[in-house]
Amino acid sequence: MCSHNTLIIDTTYGLTIGITGHEPYHNTDSRSHVENIEKTVEQCLTSHGLTPADLTTIIVLTGPGPFTGLRAGIVFAKALAFATGATLIGQNILEPQVAWEAAHAHTTEYVLAVNDARRRQLYYQLFKITPNAATPYEALTDMDIDYPQNIANTISNLCTDTTSPLIITGHGATTYSILHDQLTNNGYTNITLTDQSVTYANGAEGLTLITTLALNHYHHHDNTAANPLYLRRPDAKLPAPLKPVLENSTTTITNSENNLAPNKRAEAPEQAEDTVHEVEENLIWTTWSKDHQ
């Protein structure tokens, strides 16, 4: 598989649409990309003399990012891939940030790849770059979401060499000054801030880099599923347990909710709620049956 006629869709921050090897289209208004994604894709394809049927590959950025943006981009990419038969590949947005820096590094560097999570928080992942190594960069943390002051403390615990270059790159890098200020107070003297992602700051070269990474993962059978990386727990909460109708059923019903798998509570509250209600109904039915045997 080659990168020819590869469409890239990025809704992790605003909207970026592009064909590999060409300058992308941007819409920085993160509140209107849902309405603009279809016409922007159409405009992009038309400008390059392409139709949807000409696409061989669709790469969609899977986050981490806001729920609405990721959902809009990923659902559109899945629908377009289904309709055209194009291969769909998911790629996170933080790895290209460090890969870009690694390609231009001449010394050991630390890179904090971020994306603005709003609510005074950042999505982030910390990397270490070692030029000329077999693996030019390695992740020092998992992808996560936290407040800037907590991220600064995480960096300080992992990067004890405060004189090595520390690059903070991605949307949100300059938004929260407390991150830079606390790192400075912790002794870091060589900090560089780049408040744009690869798709924004590096244009056609950025799209080529993303395509190379995504296809490499695809060919090595890594996880390239187009599943969103939300990271933040949902705002929706499970309702309080229903008032028990039967005697001595309070503990059982309450425990039925607590015994749910964490991912059901965190990732699919509506499914967890259905499960709780199903347990309650089974309990009531079982008790009724015993009383009427």
C-alpha atoms as a PDB file:
ATOM      1  CA  MET A   1       0.000   0.000   0.000  1.00  0.00           C
ATOM      2  CA  CYS A   2       1.364   3.412  -0.892  1.00  0.00           C
ATOM      3  CA  SER A   3       0.391   6.896   0.278  1.00  0.00           C
ATOM      4  CA  HIS A   4      -1.023   7.905  -3.104  1.00  0.00           C
ATOM      5  CA  ASN A   5      -4.559   9.295  -2.814  1.00  0.00           C
ATOM      6  CA  THR A   6      -4.487   9.156   0.967  1.00  0.00           C
ATOM      7  CA  LEU A   7      -6.921  11.417   2.798  1.00  0.00           C
ATOM      8  CA  ILE A   8      -6.103  12.642   6.308  1.00  0.00           C
ATOM      9  CA  ILE A   9      -8.840  13.806   8.674  1.00  0.00           C
ATOM     10  CA  ASP A  10      -7.879  15.530  11.920  1.00  0.00           C
ATOM     11  CA  THR A  11     -10.550  16.816  14.295  1.00  0.00           C
ATOM     12  CA  THR A  12      -8.501  16.594  17.482  1.00  0.00           C
ATOM     13  CA  TYR A  13      -8.393  20.390  17.495  1.00  0.00           C
ATOM     14  CA  GLY A  14     -10.444  22.348  15.004  1.00  0.00           C
ATOM     15  CA  LEU A  15     -10.482  20.719  11.574  1.00  0.00           C
ATOM     16  CA  THR A  16      -7.655  19.749   9.235  1.00  0.00           C
ATOM     17  CA  ILE A  17      -8.312  17.930   5.965  1.00  0.00           C
ATOM     18  CA  GLY A  18      -5.602  17.074   3.457  1.00  0.00           C
ATOM     19  CA  ILE A  19      -4.255  14.751   0.795  1.00  0.00           C
ATOM     20  CA  THR A  20      -0.795  13.348   1.578  1.00  0.00           C
ATOM     21  CA  GLY A  21       1.899  15.398  -0.133  1.00  0.00           C
ATOM     22  CA  HIS A  22      -0.241  18.538  -0.415  1.00  0.00           C
ATOM     23  CA  GLU A  23      -0.998  21.509   1.794  1.00  0.00           C
ATOM     24  CA  PRO A  24      -3.981  20.824   4.056  1.00  0.00           C
ATOM     25  CA  TYR A  25      -7.163  22.808   4.598  1.00  0.00           C
ATOM     26  CA  HIS A  26      -7.635  24.223   8.105  1.00  0.00           C
ATOM     27  CA  ASN A  27     -10.580  25.464  10.123  1.00  0.00           C
ATOM     28  CA  THR A  28      -9.464  26.555  13.583  1.00  0.00           C
ATOM     29  CA  ASP A  29     -13.016  27.046  14.895  1.00  0.00           C
ATOM     30  CA  SER A  30     -13.442  23.922  17.005  1.00  0.00           C
ATOM     31  CA  ARG A  31     -17.159  24.615  17.364  1.00  0.00           C
ATOM     32  CA  SER A  32     -18.035  24.387  13.681  1.00  0.00           C
ATOM     33  CA  HIS A  33     -16.044  21.454  12.320  1.00  0.00           C
ATOM     34  CA  VAL A  34     -19.060  19.149  12.587  1.00  0.00           C
ATOM     35  CA  GLU A  35     -20.878  21.310  10.051  1.00  0.00           C
ATOM     36  CA  ASN A  36     -17.810  21.902   7.870  1.00  0.00           C
ATOM     37  CA  ILE A  37     -16.173  18.498   7.607  1.00  0.00           C
ATOM     38  CA  GLU A  38     -18.187  17.223   4.631  1.00  0.00           C
ATOM     39  CA  LYS A  39     -17.822  20.320   2.484  1.00  0.00           C
ATOM     40  CA  THR A  40     -14.136  20.689   3.407  1.00  0.00           C
ATOM     41  CA  VAL A  41     -13.422  17.108   2.298  1.00  0.00           C
ATOM     42  CA  GLU A  42     -15.313  17.767  -0.925  1.00  0.00           C
ATOM     43  CA  GLN A  43     -13.363  20.980  -1.511  1.00  0.00           C
ATOM     44  CA  CYS A  44     -10.064  19.217  -0.824  1.00  0.00           C
ATOM     45  CA  LEU A  45     -10.763  16.332  -3.195  1.00  0.00           C
ATOM     46  CA  THR A  46     -12.053  18.589  -5.960  1.00  0.00           C
ATOM     47  CA  SER A  47      -9.010  20.868  -5.770  1.00  0.00           C
ATOM     48  CA  HIS A  48      -6.777  17.858  -6.473  1.00  0.00           C
ATOM     49  CA  GLY A  49      -8.972  16.423  -9.215  1.00  0.00           C
ATOM     50  CA  LEU A  50     -10.114  13.509  -7.078  1.00  0.00           C
ATOM     51  CA  THR A  51     -13.422  11.918  -6.202  1.00  0.00           C
ATOM     52  CA  PRO A  52     -14.153   9.806  -3.110  1.00  0.00           C
ATOM     53  CA  ALA A  53     -13.884   6.673  -5.268  1.00  0.00           C
ATOM     54  CA  ASP A  54     -10.226   7.536  -6.014  1.00  0.00           C
ATOM     55  CA  LEU A  55      -9.191   7.267  -2.357  1.00  0.00           C
ATOM     56  CA  THR A  56      -7.088   4.250  -1.443  1.00  0.00           C
ATOM     57  CA  THR A  57      -6.469   5.069   2.226  1.00  0.00           C
ATOM     58  CA  ILE A  58      -8.105   7.236   4.877  1.00  0.00           C
ATOM     59  CA  ILE A  59      -6.106   8.141   7.976  1.00  0.00           C
ATOM     60  CA  VAL A  60      -8.105   9.592  10.842  1.00  0.00           C
ATOM     61  CA  LEU A  61      -6.492  11.141  13.920  1.00  0.00           C
ATOM     62  CA  THR A  62      -7.973   9.417  16.956  1.00  0.00           C
ATOM     63  CA  GLY A  63      -7.010  11.872  19.659  1.00  0.00           C
ATOM     64  CA  PRO A  64      -6.638  12.403  22.445  1.00  0.00           C
ATOM     65  CA  GLY A  65      -9.130  15.194  22.011  1.00  0.00           C
ATOM     66  CA  PRO A  66     -12.595  16.471  22.869  1.00  0.00           C
ATOM     67  CA  PHE A  67     -15.497  14.050  22.601  1.00  0.00           C
ATOM     68  CA  THR A  68     -17.522  15.940  19.985  1.00  0.00           C
ATOM     69  CA  GLY A  69     -14.600  16.607  17.658  1.00  0.00           C
ATOM     70  CA  LEU A  70     -13.278  13.063  17.729  1.00  0.00           C
ATOM     71  CA  ARG A  71     -16.724  11.585  17.239  1.00  0.00           C
ATOM     72  CA  ALA A  72     -17.399  13.805  14.219  1.00  0.00           C
ATOM     73  CA  GLY A  73     -14.091  13.036  12.513  1.00  0.00           C
ATOM     74  CA  ILE A  74     -14.006   9.320  13.220  1.00  0.00           C
ATOM     75  CA  VAL A  75     -17.626   8.650  12.303  1.00  0.00           C
ATOM     76  CA  PHE A  76     -17.206  10.566   9.036  1.00  0.00           C
ATOM     77  CA  ALA A  77     -13.981   8.677   8.248  1.00  0.00           C
ATOM     78  CA  LYS A  78     -15.611   5.318   8.954  1.00  0.00           C
ATOM     79  CA  ALA A  79     -18.615   6.147   6.782  1.00  0.00           C
ATOM     80  CA  LEU A  80     -16.423   7.351   3.913  1.00  0.00           C
ATOM     81  CA  ALA A  81     -14.178   4.279   4.126  1.00  0.00           C
ATOM     82  CA  PHE A  82     -17.227   1.999   4.137  1.00  0.00           C
ATOM     83  CA  ALA A  83     -18.718   3.745   1.103  1.00  0.00           C
ATOM     84  CA  THR A  84     -15.510   3.852  -0.954  1.00  0.00           C
ATOM     85  CA  GLY A  85     -13.731   0.681   0.139  1.00  0.00           C
ATOM     86  CA  ALA A  86     -10.671   2.684   1.173  1.00  0.00           C
ATOM     87  CA  THR A  87      -8.461   1.274   3.938  1.00  0.00           C
ATOM     88  CA  LEU A  88      -9.130   3.057   7.238  1.00  0.00           C
ATOM     89  CA  ILE A  89      -6.222   3.621   9.643  1.00  0.00           C
ATOM     90  CA  GLY A  90      -6.315   5.315  13.032  1.00  0.00           C
ATOM     91  CA  GLN A  91      -3.337   7.320  14.304  1.00  0.00           C
ATOM     92  CA  ASN A  92      -2.995   9.258  17.566  1.00  0.00           C
ATOM     93  CA  ILE A  93      -1.973  12.922  17.360  1.00  0.00           C
ATOM     94  CA  LEU A  94       0.775  12.921  20.024  1.00  0.00           C
ATOM     95  CA  GLU A  95       3.227  10.528  18.363  1.00  0.00           C
ATOM     96  CA  PRO A  96       3.664  12.701  15.227  1.00  0.00           C
ATOM     97  CA  GLN A  97       4.603  15.597  17.508  1.00  0.00           C
ATOM     98  CA  VAL A  98       7.605  13.775  18.941  1.00  0.00           C
ATOM     99  CA  ALA A  99       8.461  12.080  15.618  1.00  0.00           C
ATOM    100  CA  TRP A 100       8.810  15.511  14.010  1.00  0.00           C
ATOM    101  CA  GLU A 101      11.133  16.686  16.752  1.00  0.00           C
ATOM    102  CA  ALA A 102      13.137  13.448  16.620  1.00  0.00           C
ATOM    103  CA  ALA A 103      13.705  13.884  12.881  1.00  0.00           C
ATOM    104  CA  HIS A 104      15.361  17.255  13.533  1.00  0.00           C
ATOM    105  CA  ALA A 105      17.127  16.559  16.842  1.00  0.00           C
ATOM    106  CA  HIS A 106      20.915  16.560  17.210  1.00  0.00           C
ATOM    107  CA  THR A 107      21.121  15.912  20.931  1.00  0.00           C
ATOM    108  CA  THR A 108      19.180  14.179  23.686  1.00  0.00           C
ATOM    109  CA  GLU A 109      15.894  15.970  24.195  1.00  0.00           C
ATOM    110  CA  TYR A 110      12.693  15.554  26.133  1.00  0.00           C
ATOM    111  CA  VAL A 111       9.425  16.235  24.357  1.00  0.00           C
ATOM    112  CA  LEU A 112       6.101  16.812  26.041  1.00  0.00           C
ATOM    113  CA  ALA A 113       3.446  16.351  23.357  1.00  0.00           C
ATOM    114  CA  VAL A 114       0.172  18.001  24.355  1.00  0.00           C
ATOM    115  CA  ASN A 115      -3.296  18.836  23.125  1.00  0.00           C
ATOM    116  CA  ASP A 116      -5.630  21.319  24.761  1.00  0.00           C
ATOM    117  CA  ALA A 117      -8.262  19.441  26.780  1.00  0.00           C
ATOM    118  CA  ARG A 118      -9.970  22.641  27.938  1.00  0.00           C
ATOM    119  CA  ARG A 119     -11.195  22.950  31.537  1.00  0.00           C
ATOM    120  CA  ARG A 120      -7.630  24.072  32.370  1.00  0.00           C
ATOM    121  CA  GLN A 121      -6.305  20.631  31.519  1.00  0.00           C
ATOM    122  CA  LEU A 122      -3.991  19.131  28.895  1.00  0.00           C
ATOM    123  CA  TYR A 123      -3.831  15.780  27.182  1.00  0.00           C
ATOM    124  CA  TYR A 124      -0.164  14.829  27.275  1.00  0.00           C
ATOM    125  CA  GLN A 125       2.562  12.230  26.821  1.00  0.00           C
ATOM    126  CA  LEU A 126       6.243  12.616  27.702  1.00  0.00           C
ATOM    127  CA  PHE A 127       8.976  11.251  25.417  1.00  0.00           C
ATOM    128  CA  LYS A 128      12.767  11.077  25.374  1.00  0.00           C
ATOM    129  CA  ILE A 129      14.598  11.546  22.080  1.00  0.00           C
ATOM    130  CA  THR A 130      17.964   9.850  21.537  1.00  0.00           C
ATOM    131  CA  PRO A 131      19.406  10.739  18.110  1.00  0.00           C
ATOM    132  CA  ASN A 132      20.994   7.951  16.034  1.00  0.00           C
ATOM    133  CA  ALA A 133      19.521   5.271  18.293  1.00  0.00           C
ATOM    134  CA  ALA A 134      17.735   2.224  16.873  1.00  0.00           C
ATOM    135  CA  THR A 135      14.553   3.666  18.380  1.00  0.00           C
ATOM    136  CA  PRO A 136      14.889   7.460  18.105  1.00  0.00           C
ATOM    137  CA  TYR A 137      12.228   8.191  20.714  1.00  0.00           C
ATOM    138  CA  GLU A 138      10.667   6.370  23.628  1.00  0.00           C
ATOM    139  CA  ALA A 139       7.582   7.126  25.687  1.00  0.00           C
ATOM    140  CA  LEU A 140       8.263   7.861  29.344  1.00  0.00           C
ATOM    141  CA  THR A 141       4.573   8.040  30.255  1.00  0.00           C
ATOM    142  CA  ASP A 142       1.305   6.752  28.916  1.00  0.00           C
ATOM    143  CA  MET A 143      -1.113   9.178  27.299  1.00  0.00           C
ATOM    144  CA  ASP A 144      -3.053  10.921  30.021  1.00  0.00           C
ATOM    145  CA  ILE A 145      -4.969  14.055  30.983  1.00  0.00           C
ATOM    146  CA  ASP A 146      -4.124  16.294  33.920  1.00  0.00           C
ATOM    147  CA  TYR A 147      -3.731  19.841  35.182  1.00  0.00           C
ATOM    148  CA  PRO A 148      -0.563  21.692  34.052  1.00  0.00           C
ATOM    149  CA  GLN A 149       0.901  21.919  37.553  1.00  0.00           C
ATOM    150  CA  ASN A 150       0.591  18.148  37.997  1.00  0.00           C
ATOM    151  CA  ILE A 151       2.160  17.551  34.585  1.00  0.00           C
ATOM    152  CA  ALA A 152       5.096  19.759  35.574  1.00  0.00           C
ATOM    153  CA  ASN A 153       5.653  17.633  38.677  1.00  0.00           C
ATOM    154  CA  THR A 154       5.511  14.457  36.568  1.00  0.00           C
ATOM    155  CA  ILE A 155       8.197  15.862  34.261  1.00  0.00           C
ATOM    156  CA  SER A 156      10.378  16.846  37.202  1.00  0.00           C
ATOM    157  CA  ASN A 157      10.189  13.331  38.631  1.00  0.00           C
ATOM    158  CA  LEU A 158      11.135  11.671  35.338  1.00  0.00           C
ATOM    159  CA  CYS A 159      13.584  14.167  33.805  1.00  0.00           C
ATOM    160  CA  THR A 160      16.202  14.910  36.401  1.00  0.00           C
ATOM    161  CA  ASP A 161      18.566  16.514  33.879  1.00  0.00           C
ATOM    162  CA  THR A 162      17.181  20.037  33.985  1.00  0.00           C
ATOM    163  CA  THR A 163      19.699  21.368  31.448  1.00  0.00           C
ATOM    164  CA  SER A 164      18.707  19.112  28.514  1.00  0.00           C
ATOM    165  CA  PRO A 165      16.325  20.678  25.997  1.00  0.00           C
ATOM    166  CA  LEU A 166      12.670  20.288  26.911  1.00  0.00           C
ATOM    167  CA  ILE A 167      10.232  20.875  24.066  1.00  0.00           C
ATOM    168  CA  ILE A 168       6.528  21.321  24.774  1.00  0.00           C
ATOM    169  CA  THR A 169       4.641  21.014  21.518  1.00  0.00           C
ATOM    170  CA  GLY A 170       1.024  20.911  20.424  1.00  0.00           C
ATOM    171  CA  HIS A 171      -2.147  22.932  20.892  1.00  0.00           C
ATOM    172  CA  GLY A 172      -2.203  24.236  24.448  1.00  0.00           C
ATOM    173  CA  ALA A 173       1.569  24.448  24.904  1.00  0.00           C
ATOM    174  CA  THR A 174       1.402  28.182  25.605  1.00  0.00           C
ATOM    175  CA  THR A 175      -2.167  28.356  26.877  1.00  0.00           C
ATOM    176  CA  TYR A 176      -1.387  27.578  30.508  1.00  0.00           C
ATOM    177  CA  SER A 177       1.565  29.643  31.678  1.00  0.00           C
ATOM    178  CA  ILE A 178       1.633  27.785  35.007  1.00  0.00           C
ATOM    179  CA  LEU A 179       3.188  24.796  33.221  1.00  0.00           C
ATOM    180  CA  HIS A 180       6.172  26.816  31.991  1.00  0.00           C
ATOM    181  CA  ASP A 181       6.453  28.806  35.219  1.00  0.00           C
ATOM    182  CA  GLN A 182       6.518  25.748  37.456  1.00  0.00           C
ATOM    183  CA  LEU A 183       9.073  23.977  35.271  1.00  0.00           C
ATOM    184  CA  THR A 184      11.245  27.096  35.425  1.00  0.00           C
ATOM    185  CA  ASN A 185      10.901  27.143  39.203  1.00  0.00           C
ATOM    186  CA  ASN A 186      11.929  23.489  39.226  1.00  0.00           C
ATOM    187  CA  GLY A 187      15.207  24.431  37.542  1.00  0.00           C
ATOM    188  CA  TYR A 188      14.579  23.785  33.831  1.00  0.00           C
ATOM    189  CA  THR A 189      16.587  26.293  31.824  1.00  0.00           C
ATOM    190  CA  ASN A 190      16.066  25.201  28.214  1.00  0.00           C
ATOM    191  CA  ILE A 191      12.342  25.093  27.433  1.00  0.00           C
ATOM    192  CA  THR A 192      10.871  25.594  23.958  1.00  0.00           C
ATOM    193  CA  LEU A 193       7.141  26.053  23.370  1.00  0.00           C
ATOM    194  CA  THR A 194       5.398  25.331  20.054  1.00  0.00           C
ATOM    195  CA  ASP A 195       1.667  25.917  20.286  1.00  0.00           C
ATOM    196  CA  GLN A 196       0.651  24.039  17.125  1.00  0.00           C
ATOM    197  CA  SER A 197       0.278  20.455  16.054  1.00  0.00           C
ATOM    198  CA  VAL A 198       2.177  18.848  13.170  1.00  0.00           C
ATOM    199  CA  THR A 199      -0.828  19.203  10.871  1.00  0.00           C
ATOM    200  CA  TYR A 200      -0.973  22.952  11.516  1.00  0.00           C
ATOM    201  CA  ALA A 201       2.672  23.911  11.825  1.00  0.00           C
ATOM    202  CA  ASN A 202       4.226  21.723   9.143  1.00  0.00           C
ATOM    203  CA  GLY A 203       1.646  21.599   6.352  1.00  0.00           C
ATOM    204  CA  ALA A 204       2.317  19.064   3.597  1.00  0.00           C
ATOM    205  CA  GLU A 205       5.413  17.748   5.385  1.00  0.00           C
ATOM    206  CA  GLY A 206       3.347  17.158   8.494  1.00  0.00           C
ATOM    207  CA  LEU A 207       0.777  15.157   6.544  1.00  0.00           C
ATOM    208  CA  THR A 208       3.543  13.076   4.969  1.00  0.00           C
ATOM    209  CA  LEU A 209       4.990  12.337   8.402  1.00  0.00           C
ATOM    210  CA  ILE A 210       1.596  11.258   9.754  1.00  0.00           C
ATOM    211  CA  THR A 211       1.036   9.046   6.722  1.00  0.00           C
ATOM    212  CA  THR A 212       4.438   7.402   7.146  1.00  0.00           C
ATOM    213  CA  LEU A 213       3.796   6.669  10.831  1.00  0.00           C
ATOM    214  CA  ALA A 214       0.271   5.353  10.248  1.00  0.00           C
ATOM    215  CA  LEU A 215       1.283   3.097   7.363  1.00  0.00           C
ATOM    216  CA  ASN A 216       4.275   1.798   9.334  1.00  0.00           C
ATOM    217  CA  HIS A 217       1.994   0.800  12.212  1.00  0.00           C
ATOM    218  CA  TYR A 218      -0.444  -0.732   9.750  1.00  0.00           C
ATOM    219  CA  HIS A 219       2.200  -2.856   8.027  1.00  0.00           C
ATOM    220  CA  HIS A 220       3.563  -4.019  11.401  1.00  0.00           C
ATOM    221  CA  HIS A 221       0.046  -5.021  12.474  1.00  0.00           C
ATOM    222  CA  ASP A 222       0.019  -2.584  15.370  1.00  0.00           C
ATOM    223  CA  ASN A 223      -3.265  -1.356  16.745  1.00  0.00           C
ATOM    224  CA  THR A 224      -4.515   1.066  14.084  1.00  0.00           C
ATOM    225  CA  ALA A 225      -8.222   0.793  14.845  1.00  0.00           C
ATOM    226  CA  ALA A 226     -10.108   4.048  14.447  1.00  0.00           C
ATOM    227  CA  ASN A 227     -11.231   4.182  18.060  1.00  0.00           C
ATOM    228  CA  PRO A 228     -11.368   7.530  19.884  1.00  0.00           C
ATOM    229  CA  LEU A 229      -8.916   8.348  22.649  1.00  0.00           C
ATOM    230  CA  TYR A 230     -11.110  10.391  24.965  1.00  0.00           C
ATOM    231  CA  LEU A 231      -9.047   9.847  28.178  1.00  0.00           C
ATOM    232  CA  ARG A 232     -11.356  12.078  30.209  1.00  0.00           C
ATOM    233  CA  ARG A 233     -14.033  10.236  32.123  1.00  0.00           C
ATOM    234  CA  PRO A 234     -17.562  11.089  30.913  1.00  0.00           C
ATOM    235  CA  ASP A 235     -19.622  13.731  32.660  1.00  0.00           C
ATOM    236  CA  ALA A 236     -22.640  11.411  32.730  1.00  0.00           C
ATOM    237  CA  LYS A 237     -23.115   9.690  36.072  1.00  0.00           C
ATOM    238  CA  LEU A 238     -25.023   6.592  37.024  1.00  0.00           C
ATOM    239  CA  PRO A 239     -28.272   7.475  38.810  1.00  0.00           C
ATOM    240  CA  ALA A 240     -28.697   6.573  42.445  1.00  0.00           C
ATOM    241  CA  PRO A 241     -29.917   2.999  42.998  1.00  0.00           C
ATOM    242  CA  LEU A 242     -33.675   2.568  42.885  1.00  0.00           C
ATOM    243  CA  LYS A 243     -35.458   2.317  46.184  1.00  0.00           C
ATOM    244  CA  PRO A 244     -35.801  -1.419  46.875  1.00  0.00           C
ATOM    245  CA  VAL A 245     -39.293  -2.864  46.773  1.00  0.00           C
ATOM    246  CA  LEU A 246     -38.423  -6.139  48.452  1.00  0.00           C
ATOM    247  CA  GLU A 247     -37.113  -6.620  51.944  1.00  0.00           C
ATOM    248  CA  ASN A 248     -33.331  -7.155  52.323  1.00  0.00           C
ATOM    249  CA  SER A 249     -32.651  -6.315  48.663  1.00  0.00           C
ATOM    250  CA  THR A 250     -30.921  -2.969  49.289  1.00  0.00           C
ATOM    251  CA  THR A 251     -27.431  -4.387  49.705  1.00  0.00           C
ATOM    252  CA  THR A 252     -27.709  -6.691  46.711  1.00  0.00           C
ATOM    253  CA  ILE A 253     -28.926  -3.950  44.368  1.00  0.00           C
ATOM    254  CA  THR A 254     -26.285  -1.477  45.514  1.00  0.00           C
ATOM    255  CA  ASN A 255     -23.537  -4.071  45.171  1.00  0.00           C
ATOM    256  CA  SER A 256     -24.726  -4.934  41.678  1.00  0.00           C
ATOM    257  CA  GLU A 257     -23.720  -1.433  40.602  1.00  0.00           C
ATOM    258  CA  ASN A 258     -20.417  -1.449  42.458  1.00  0.00           C
ATOM    259  CA  ASN A 259     -19.456  -4.804  40.958  1.00  0.00           C
ATOM    260  CA  LEU A 260     -19.674  -3.500  37.399  1.00  0.00           C
ATOM    261  CA  ALA A 261     -16.399  -3.544  35.492  1.00  0.00           C
ATOM    262  CA  PRO A 262     -14.670  -0.124  35.708  1.00  0.00           C
ATOM    263  CA  ASN A 263     -14.731   0.323  31.944  1.00  0.00           C
ATOM    264  CA  LYS A 264     -18.517  -0.070  31.918  1.00  0.00           C
ATOM    265  CA  ARG A 265     -18.866   2.675  34.489  1.00  0.00           C
ATOM    266  CA  ALA A 266     -16.292   4.945  32.858  1.00  0.00           C
ATOM    267  CA  GLU A 267     -16.796   4.392  29.139  1.00  0.00           C
ATOM    268  CA  ALA A 268     -20.422   3.385  28.717  1.00  0.00           C
ATOM    269  CA  PRO A 269     -22.561   4.768  31.560  1.00  0.00           C
ATOM    270  CA  GLU A 270     -25.766   4.033  29.693  1.00  0.00           C
ATOM    271  CA  GLN A 271     -24.741   0.387  29.299  1.00  0.00           C
ATOM    272  CA  ALA A 272     -23.813   0.199  32.958  1.00  0.00           C
ATOM    273  CA  GLU A 273     -27.184   1.651  33.907  1.00  0.00           C
ATOM    274  CA  ASP A 274     -28.968  -0.982  31.805  1.00  0.00           C
ATOM    275  CA  THR A 275     -26.921  -3.693  33.512  1.00  0.00           C
ATOM    276  CA  VAL A 276     -27.867  -2.438  36.972  1.00  0.00           C
ATOM    277  CA  HIS A 277     -31.544  -2.385  36.039  1.00  0.00           C
ATOM    278  CA  GLU A 278     -31.275  -5.884  34.571  1.00  0.00           C
ATOM    279  CA  VAL A 279     -29.799  -7.193  37.841  1.00  0.00           C
ATOM    280  CA  GLU A 280     -32.576  -5.483  39.786  1.00  0.00           C
ATOM    281  CA  GLU A 281     -35.282  -6.985  37.598  1.00  0.00           C
ATOM    282  CA  ASN A 282     -33.780 -10.467  37.873  1.00  0.00           C
ATOM    283  CA  LEU A 283     -33.635 -10.129  41.658  1.00  0.00           C
ATOM    284  CA  ILE A 284     -37.248  -9.045  41.888  1.00  0.00           C
ATOM    285  CA  TRP A 285     -38.410 -11.817  39.537  1.00  0.00           C
ATOM    286  CA  THR A 286     -36.443 -14.507  41.411  1.00  0.00           C
ATOM    287  CA  THR A 287     -37.877 -13.437  44.765  1.00  0.00           C
ATOM    288  CA  TRP A 288     -41.418 -13.309  43.363  1.00  0.00           C
ATOM    289  CA  SER A 289     -41.039 -16.813  41.916  1.00  0.00           C
ATOM    290  CA  LYS A 290     -39.900 -18.238  45.258  1.00  0.00           C
ATOM    291  CA  ASP A 291     -42.847 -16.635  47.042  1.00  0.00           C
ATOM    292  CA  HIS A 292     -45.343 -18.148  44.580  1.00  0.00           C
ATOM    293  CA  GLN A 293     -44.006 -21.683  44.274  1.00  0.00           C
END
